[in-house]
Amino acid sequence: MDRKPSTQEALIYLMVIMSAADRDMTDAELGRIGNVIRTLPVFEGFDENRIIEVARQCQQRLQTENGPEAVLDLVRDAVPEALHDTAYALAVEVAAADLYVEPEERRMLQIVRSRLKLEPLVAAAIERTAQARHRRAV
C-alpha cells in the first residue's frame, strides 16, 4: 500500500473521504460517486470494476495513524495542480449529494480547499454551481 495512487484513484480517495466525513456514507453519496466515475471525462479509461477495490484501499489508509491527513496529502500529491479545481468540484458534488451538507462535511471542504490551495473565488464558484445543480423546483 506504499504505492502512490494514480490521479483517478486519488480523486476516488477524495470522494470517499468526503462521503465518510460525517461518519455516514449515504446511498445518495455512494450513487453519486459511481455516477461521477462513469460519466466525467477525468475518469475516462478507468475500470469501473475497480471502484470498490480503490474505495477499500482508501478506507484502509484512513484506518492508519494520521489516516485522514495522510490521504489528503496523497490526494494533493497525486492530483496535478491543473486538476485541483476538478478535485474540489468532486468533493463538493459528494457533499451535496444528499441535499444537505453536514457541519463535518463543511469542515472537510475547508480542509480540502486549504490543502489544494484553491483561490476563495474559485471555491465559491464551484460551491455555487453545485447548489444550483442540486436545487429542486418549488
N, C-alpha and C. Protein backbone atom coordinates (compact mmCIF):
# COMPACT_ATOMS: atom_id res chain seq x y z
N MET A 1 0.82 -1.20 0.00
CA MET A 1 0.00 0.00 0.00
C MET A 1 0.86 1.26 0.00
N ASP A 2 2.15 1.10 -0.19
CA ASP A 2 3.03 2.26 -0.24
C ASP A 2 3.01 2.92 -1.61
N ARG A 3 2.43 2.25 -2.59
CA ARG A 3 2.37 2.78 -3.93
C ARG A 3 1.54 4.06 -3.96
N LYS A 4 2.05 5.05 -4.69
CA LYS A 4 1.32 6.31 -4.85
C LYS A 4 0.11 6.04 -5.75
N PRO A 5 -1.07 6.52 -5.36
CA PRO A 5 -2.25 6.29 -6.19
C PRO A 5 -2.16 7.08 -7.50
N SER A 6 -2.83 6.56 -8.52
CA SER A 6 -2.95 7.30 -9.78
C SER A 6 -3.82 8.53 -9.53
N THR A 7 -3.86 9.43 -10.49
CA THR A 7 -4.72 10.61 -10.37
C THR A 7 -6.16 10.18 -10.16
N GLN A 8 -6.64 9.23 -10.95
CA GLN A 8 -8.03 8.79 -10.83
C GLN A 8 -8.29 8.13 -9.48
N GLU A 9 -7.36 7.32 -9.01
CA GLU A 9 -7.52 6.70 -7.69
C GLU A 9 -7.55 7.77 -6.60
N ALA A 10 -6.69 8.76 -6.70
CA ALA A 10 -6.65 9.84 -5.70
C ALA A 10 -7.97 10.61 -5.69
N LEU A 11 -8.55 10.83 -6.86
CA LEU A 11 -9.85 11.51 -6.92
C LEU A 11 -10.93 10.67 -6.24
N ILE A 12 -10.86 9.37 -6.41
CA ILE A 12 -11.81 8.48 -5.72
C ILE A 12 -11.57 8.54 -4.22
N TYR A 13 -10.31 8.54 -3.79
CA TYR A 13 -9.99 8.68 -2.37
C TYR A 13 -10.66 9.94 -1.81
N LEU A 14 -10.55 11.03 -2.55
CA LEU A 14 -11.11 12.29 -2.08
C LEU A 14 -12.63 12.18 -1.94
N MET A 15 -13.27 11.55 -2.90
CA MET A 15 -14.73 11.40 -2.80
C MET A 15 -15.10 10.49 -1.63
N VAL A 16 -14.32 9.45 -1.39
CA VAL A 16 -14.59 8.55 -0.26
C VAL A 16 -14.41 9.29 1.06
N ILE A 17 -13.34 10.06 1.19
CA ILE A 17 -13.10 10.78 2.44
C ILE A 17 -14.20 11.83 2.68
N MET A 18 -14.70 12.42 1.60
CA MET A 18 -15.81 13.37 1.75
C MET A 18 -17.07 12.65 2.21
N SER A 19 -17.33 11.50 1.61
CA SER A 19 -18.53 10.75 1.99
C SER A 19 -18.46 10.29 3.43
N ALA A 20 -17.27 9.95 3.90
CA ALA A 20 -17.10 9.45 5.26
C ALA A 20 -16.92 10.57 6.29
N ALA A 21 -16.86 11.82 5.86
CA ALA A 21 -16.57 12.93 6.77
C ALA A 21 -17.56 13.03 7.92
N ASP A 22 -18.82 12.75 7.64
CA ASP A 22 -19.84 12.83 8.70
C ASP A 22 -20.14 11.46 9.31
N ARG A 23 -19.26 10.49 9.04
CA ARG A 23 -19.37 9.13 9.57
C ARG A 23 -20.58 8.38 9.03
N ASP A 24 -21.18 8.86 7.95
CA ASP A 24 -22.36 8.22 7.39
C ASP A 24 -22.29 8.28 5.86
N MET A 25 -21.83 7.21 5.25
CA MET A 25 -21.74 7.16 3.79
C MET A 25 -23.13 6.78 3.27
N THR A 26 -23.89 7.77 2.80
CA THR A 26 -25.26 7.53 2.39
C THR A 26 -25.30 6.88 1.00
N ASP A 27 -26.44 6.24 0.71
CA ASP A 27 -26.64 5.65 -0.62
C ASP A 27 -26.56 6.72 -1.70
N ALA A 28 -27.07 7.92 -1.39
CA ALA A 28 -27.02 9.02 -2.36
C ALA A 28 -25.58 9.38 -2.67
N GLU A 29 -24.73 9.44 -1.64
CA GLU A 29 -23.33 9.78 -1.85
C GLU A 29 -22.62 8.68 -2.66
N LEU A 30 -22.85 7.44 -2.28
CA LEU A 30 -22.21 6.33 -3.00
C LEU A 30 -22.68 6.27 -4.44
N GLY A 31 -23.97 6.52 -4.64
CA GLY A 31 -24.51 6.55 -6.00
C GLY A 31 -23.89 7.67 -6.81
N ARG A 32 -23.70 8.83 -6.18
CA ARG A 32 -23.10 9.97 -6.87
C ARG A 32 -21.66 9.66 -7.26
N ILE A 33 -20.91 9.02 -6.37
CA ILE A 33 -19.52 8.65 -6.67
C ILE A 33 -19.49 7.75 -7.91
N GLY A 34 -20.33 6.73 -7.93
CA GLY A 34 -20.38 5.82 -9.08
C GLY A 34 -20.75 6.55 -10.36
N ASN A 35 -21.73 7.43 -10.28
CA ASN A 35 -22.17 8.19 -11.45
C ASN A 35 -21.06 9.10 -11.97
N VAL A 36 -20.37 9.77 -11.07
CA VAL A 36 -19.27 10.66 -11.45
C VAL A 36 -18.18 9.86 -12.18
N ILE A 37 -17.84 8.71 -11.63
CA ILE A 37 -16.78 7.89 -12.23
C ILE A 37 -17.19 7.41 -13.63
N ARG A 38 -18.45 7.09 -13.78
CA ARG A 38 -18.94 6.60 -15.09
C ARG A 38 -19.08 7.70 -16.13
N THR A 39 -19.27 8.95 -15.71
CA THR A 39 -19.64 9.98 -16.69
C THR A 39 -18.63 11.10 -16.91
N LEU A 40 -17.77 11.39 -15.97
CA LEU A 40 -16.88 12.54 -16.15
C LEU A 40 -15.62 12.18 -16.95
N PRO A 41 -15.20 13.09 -17.83
CA PRO A 41 -14.03 12.83 -18.66
C PRO A 41 -12.76 12.53 -17.87
N VAL A 42 -12.61 13.07 -16.67
CA VAL A 42 -11.40 12.85 -15.89
C VAL A 42 -11.23 11.36 -15.55
N PHE A 43 -12.31 10.61 -15.59
CA PHE A 43 -12.25 9.16 -15.28
C PHE A 43 -12.25 8.30 -16.54
N GLU A 44 -12.10 8.92 -17.69
CA GLU A 44 -12.07 8.17 -18.94
C GLU A 44 -10.96 7.12 -18.88
N GLY A 45 -11.30 5.89 -19.21
CA GLY A 45 -10.33 4.80 -19.20
C GLY A 45 -10.22 4.10 -17.86
N PHE A 46 -10.85 4.63 -16.81
CA PHE A 46 -10.80 3.96 -15.51
C PHE A 46 -11.73 2.76 -15.53
N ASP A 47 -11.27 1.64 -15.03
CA ASP A 47 -12.07 0.41 -14.99
C ASP A 47 -13.06 0.49 -13.83
N GLU A 48 -14.34 0.62 -14.19
CA GLU A 48 -15.40 0.74 -13.17
C GLU A 48 -15.40 -0.42 -12.18
N ASN A 49 -14.93 -1.57 -12.62
CA ASN A 49 -14.89 -2.74 -11.74
C ASN A 49 -13.92 -2.55 -10.58
N ARG A 50 -13.09 -1.52 -10.63
CA ARG A 50 -12.10 -1.27 -9.58
C ARG A 50 -12.59 -0.29 -8.52
N ILE A 51 -13.79 0.26 -8.68
CA ILE A 51 -14.28 1.28 -7.74
C ILE A 51 -14.24 0.77 -6.30
N ILE A 52 -14.79 -0.40 -6.06
CA ILE A 52 -14.85 -0.92 -4.68
C ILE A 52 -13.45 -1.20 -4.16
N GLU A 53 -12.58 -1.76 -4.99
CA GLU A 53 -11.20 -2.02 -4.59
C GLU A 53 -10.49 -0.73 -4.18
N VAL A 54 -10.64 0.32 -4.97
CA VAL A 54 -9.98 1.59 -4.67
C VAL A 54 -10.58 2.22 -3.41
N ALA A 55 -11.90 2.13 -3.26
CA ALA A 55 -12.54 2.65 -2.05
C ALA A 55 -12.04 1.91 -0.81
N ARG A 56 -11.84 0.60 -0.92
CA ARG A 56 -11.31 -0.17 0.21
C ARG A 56 -9.88 0.23 0.54
N GLN A 57 -9.07 0.46 -0.52
CA GLN A 57 -7.70 0.92 -0.29
C GLN A 57 -7.72 2.22 0.51
N CYS A 58 -8.62 3.12 0.12
CA CYS A 58 -8.74 4.39 0.82
C CYS A 58 -9.15 4.16 2.26
N GLN A 59 -10.13 3.31 2.48
CA GLN A 59 -10.59 3.04 3.85
C GLN A 59 -9.46 2.46 4.70
N GLN A 60 -8.65 1.58 4.11
CA GLN A 60 -7.51 1.02 4.84
C GLN A 60 -6.53 2.12 5.22
N ARG A 61 -6.27 3.03 4.30
CA ARG A 61 -5.36 4.14 4.58
C ARG A 61 -5.94 5.04 5.67
N LEU A 62 -7.25 5.23 5.66
CA LEU A 62 -7.89 6.08 6.66
C LEU A 62 -7.78 5.48 8.06
N GLN A 63 -7.66 4.15 8.16
CA GLN A 63 -7.58 3.47 9.46
C GLN A 63 -6.22 3.60 10.12
N THR A 64 -5.21 4.02 9.37
CA THR A 64 -3.86 4.12 9.92
C THR A 64 -3.72 5.39 10.76
N GLU A 65 -2.63 5.46 11.51
CA GLU A 65 -2.35 6.66 12.30
C GLU A 65 -2.25 7.86 11.35
N ASN A 66 -2.91 8.96 11.71
CA ASN A 66 -2.96 10.15 10.85
C ASN A 66 -3.56 9.86 9.49
N GLY A 67 -4.45 8.88 9.44
CA GLY A 67 -5.03 8.42 8.18
C GLY A 67 -5.63 9.51 7.32
N PRO A 68 -6.58 10.30 7.84
CA PRO A 68 -7.19 11.34 7.00
C PRO A 68 -6.16 12.35 6.48
N GLU A 69 -5.23 12.75 7.33
CA GLU A 69 -4.20 13.69 6.90
C GLU A 69 -3.34 13.07 5.80
N ALA A 70 -2.97 11.81 5.99
CA ALA A 70 -2.13 11.12 5.01
C ALA A 70 -2.85 10.97 3.67
N VAL A 71 -4.15 10.65 3.72
CA VAL A 71 -4.92 10.50 2.48
C VAL A 71 -5.01 11.85 1.77
N LEU A 72 -5.25 12.92 2.52
CA LEU A 72 -5.32 14.24 1.88
C LEU A 72 -3.98 14.64 1.28
N ASP A 73 -2.89 14.26 1.93
CA ASP A 73 -1.57 14.52 1.36
C ASP A 73 -1.37 13.73 0.06
N LEU A 74 -1.81 12.47 0.06
CA LEU A 74 -1.73 11.65 -1.15
C LEU A 74 -2.52 12.28 -2.29
N VAL A 75 -3.72 12.75 -1.97
CA VAL A 75 -4.56 13.39 -2.99
C VAL A 75 -3.84 14.61 -3.56
N ARG A 76 -3.38 15.47 -2.67
CA ARG A 76 -2.69 16.69 -3.11
C ARG A 76 -1.49 16.36 -4.01
N ASP A 77 -0.74 15.34 -3.63
CA ASP A 77 0.48 15.00 -4.37
C ASP A 77 0.20 14.23 -5.67
N ALA A 78 -0.89 13.47 -5.72
CA ALA A 78 -1.17 12.64 -6.89
C ALA A 78 -1.99 13.37 -7.96
N VAL A 79 -2.74 14.38 -7.55
CA VAL A 79 -3.58 15.10 -8.49
C VAL A 79 -2.80 16.31 -9.01
N PRO A 80 -2.62 16.40 -10.33
CA PRO A 80 -1.88 17.55 -10.87
C PRO A 80 -2.58 18.86 -10.50
N GLU A 81 -1.79 19.90 -10.31
CA GLU A 81 -2.33 21.19 -9.91
C GLU A 81 -3.44 21.67 -10.86
N ALA A 82 -3.31 21.36 -12.13
CA ALA A 82 -4.31 21.78 -13.12
C ALA A 82 -5.67 21.12 -12.86
N LEU A 83 -5.69 20.06 -12.07
CA LEU A 83 -6.94 19.38 -11.74
C LEU A 83 -7.41 19.61 -10.30
N HIS A 84 -6.77 20.52 -9.58
CA HIS A 84 -7.17 20.78 -8.20
C HIS A 84 -8.60 21.32 -8.13
N ASP A 85 -8.99 22.17 -9.09
CA ASP A 85 -10.37 22.66 -9.06
C ASP A 85 -11.35 21.53 -9.38
N THR A 86 -10.96 20.62 -10.25
CA THR A 86 -11.80 19.46 -10.55
C THR A 86 -11.94 18.59 -9.31
N ALA A 87 -10.83 18.37 -8.61
CA ALA A 87 -10.87 17.57 -7.38
C ALA A 87 -11.82 18.20 -6.37
N TYR A 88 -11.74 19.51 -6.21
CA TYR A 88 -12.63 20.19 -5.26
C TYR A 88 -14.08 20.07 -5.71
N ALA A 89 -14.31 20.19 -7.00
CA ALA A 89 -15.68 20.05 -7.53
C ALA A 89 -16.24 18.66 -7.21
N LEU A 90 -15.40 17.63 -7.30
CA LEU A 90 -15.86 16.28 -6.96
C LEU A 90 -16.19 16.17 -5.48
N ALA A 91 -15.36 16.78 -4.64
CA ALA A 91 -15.62 16.77 -3.20
C ALA A 91 -16.94 17.46 -2.88
N VAL A 92 -17.18 18.60 -3.51
CA VAL A 92 -18.44 19.33 -3.31
C VAL A 92 -19.61 18.51 -3.81
N GLU A 93 -19.45 17.86 -4.94
CA GLU A 93 -20.53 17.04 -5.51
C GLU A 93 -20.95 15.94 -4.54
N VAL A 94 -20.00 15.29 -3.92
CA VAL A 94 -20.32 14.24 -2.96
C VAL A 94 -20.99 14.83 -1.72
N ALA A 95 -20.47 15.95 -1.23
CA ALA A 95 -21.06 16.58 -0.05
C ALA A 95 -22.51 17.00 -0.31
N ALA A 96 -22.79 17.43 -1.53
CA ALA A 96 -24.14 17.92 -1.87
C ALA A 96 -25.09 16.81 -2.29
N ALA A 97 -24.61 15.60 -2.44
CA ALA A 97 -25.42 14.51 -3.00
C ALA A 97 -26.71 14.25 -2.23
N ASP A 98 -26.67 14.37 -0.91
CA ASP A 98 -27.88 14.09 -0.14
C ASP A 98 -28.64 15.37 0.21
N LEU A 99 -28.32 16.45 -0.52
CA LEU A 99 -29.03 17.73 -0.45
C LEU A 99 -28.88 18.48 0.88
N TYR A 100 -27.98 18.01 1.73
CA TYR A 100 -27.69 18.74 2.96
C TYR A 100 -26.22 18.52 3.29
N VAL A 101 -25.49 19.59 3.50
CA VAL A 101 -24.07 19.50 3.84
C VAL A 101 -23.93 19.60 5.36
N GLU A 102 -23.53 18.48 5.95
CA GLU A 102 -23.35 18.41 7.41
C GLU A 102 -22.18 19.30 7.84
N PRO A 103 -22.17 19.75 9.10
CA PRO A 103 -21.06 20.57 9.58
C PRO A 103 -19.69 19.90 9.38
N GLU A 104 -19.63 18.57 9.60
CA GLU A 104 -18.36 17.86 9.40
C GLU A 104 -17.92 17.91 7.94
N GLU A 105 -18.89 17.85 7.04
CA GLU A 105 -18.58 17.94 5.61
C GLU A 105 -18.09 19.34 5.26
N ARG A 106 -18.71 20.35 5.85
CA ARG A 106 -18.26 21.74 5.63
C ARG A 106 -16.81 21.89 6.08
N ARG A 107 -16.50 21.34 7.23
CA ARG A 107 -15.13 21.42 7.75
C ARG A 107 -14.17 20.69 6.82
N MET A 108 -14.57 19.51 6.35
CA MET A 108 -13.69 18.77 5.44
C MET A 108 -13.48 19.54 4.14
N LEU A 109 -14.52 20.21 3.65
CA LEU A 109 -14.36 21.03 2.44
C LEU A 109 -13.36 22.16 2.68
N GLN A 110 -13.40 22.76 3.87
CA GLN A 110 -12.43 23.81 4.21
C GLN A 110 -11.01 23.24 4.18
N ILE A 111 -10.84 22.06 4.74
CA ILE A 111 -9.53 21.42 4.78
C ILE A 111 -9.06 21.12 3.35
N VAL A 112 -9.95 20.58 2.53
CA VAL A 112 -9.61 20.25 1.15
C VAL A 112 -9.22 21.51 0.38
N ARG A 113 -10.02 22.58 0.54
CA ARG A 113 -9.69 23.87 -0.12
C ARG A 113 -8.29 24.32 0.24
N SER A 114 -7.99 24.24 1.52
CA SER A 114 -6.68 24.67 2.00
C SER A 114 -5.57 23.77 1.46
N ARG A 115 -5.78 22.47 1.53
CA ARG A 115 -4.78 21.51 1.07
C ARG A 115 -4.45 21.69 -0.41
N LEU A 116 -5.51 21.97 -1.21
CA LEU A 116 -5.33 22.12 -2.65
C LEU A 116 -4.97 23.55 -3.04
N LYS A 117 -4.91 24.43 -2.04
CA LYS A 117 -4.55 25.84 -2.26
C LYS A 117 -5.44 26.49 -3.33
N LEU A 118 -6.74 26.28 -3.19
CA LEU A 118 -7.69 26.87 -4.13
C LEU A 118 -7.96 28.32 -3.78
N GLU A 119 -8.07 29.15 -4.79
CA GLU A 119 -8.43 30.54 -4.56
C GLU A 119 -9.87 30.59 -4.05
N PRO A 120 -10.15 31.47 -3.08
CA PRO A 120 -11.50 31.54 -2.49
C PRO A 120 -12.61 31.74 -3.53
N LEU A 121 -12.39 32.58 -4.53
CA LEU A 121 -13.44 32.82 -5.53
C LEU A 121 -13.70 31.58 -6.39
N VAL A 122 -12.66 30.82 -6.67
CA VAL A 122 -12.83 29.58 -7.43
C VAL A 122 -13.65 28.59 -6.61
N ALA A 123 -13.30 28.44 -5.34
CA ALA A 123 -14.03 27.52 -4.45
C ALA A 123 -15.49 27.95 -4.33
N ALA A 124 -15.73 29.24 -4.16
CA ALA A 124 -17.10 29.74 -4.03
C ALA A 124 -17.90 29.48 -5.30
N ALA A 125 -17.28 29.66 -6.45
CA ALA A 125 -17.97 29.41 -7.72
C ALA A 125 -18.33 27.93 -7.86
N ILE A 126 -17.43 27.05 -7.48
CA ILE A 126 -17.70 25.61 -7.54
C ILE A 126 -18.85 25.25 -6.62
N GLU A 127 -18.83 25.80 -5.41
CA GLU A 127 -19.90 25.52 -4.43
C GLU A 127 -21.24 26.04 -4.94
N ARG A 128 -21.24 27.23 -5.52
CA ARG A 128 -22.49 27.83 -6.01
C ARG A 128 -23.08 27.02 -7.17
N THR A 129 -22.23 26.54 -8.06
CA THR A 129 -22.77 25.74 -9.17
C THR A 129 -23.34 24.42 -8.68
N ALA A 130 -22.74 23.85 -7.64
CA ALA A 130 -23.29 22.61 -7.07
C ALA A 130 -24.66 22.89 -6.45
N GLN A 131 -24.80 24.03 -5.76
CA GLN A 131 -26.10 24.40 -5.20
C GLN A 131 -27.14 24.52 -6.31
N ALA A 132 -26.77 25.19 -7.37
CA ALA A 132 -27.70 25.38 -8.48
C ALA A 132 -28.09 24.05 -9.11
N ARG A 133 -27.13 23.16 -9.27
CA ARG A 133 -27.42 21.86 -9.88
C ARG A 133 -28.33 20.99 -9.03
N HIS A 134 -28.25 21.14 -7.74
CA HIS A 134 -29.00 20.25 -6.84
C HIS A 134 -30.30 20.87 -6.32
N ARG A 135 -30.59 22.09 -6.73
CA ARG A 135 -31.80 22.76 -6.28
C ARG A 135 -33.04 22.08 -6.87
N ARG A 136 -34.07 22.00 -6.07
CA ARG A 136 -35.34 21.40 -6.51
C ARG A 136 -36.33 22.50 -6.88
N ALA A 137 -37.24 22.18 -7.78
CA ALA A 137 -38.29 23.13 -8.15
C ALA A 137 -39.19 23.34 -6.94
N VAL A 138 -39.67 24.58 -6.81
CA VAL A 138 -40.56 24.89 -5.67
C VAL A 138 -42.00 24.95 -6.10
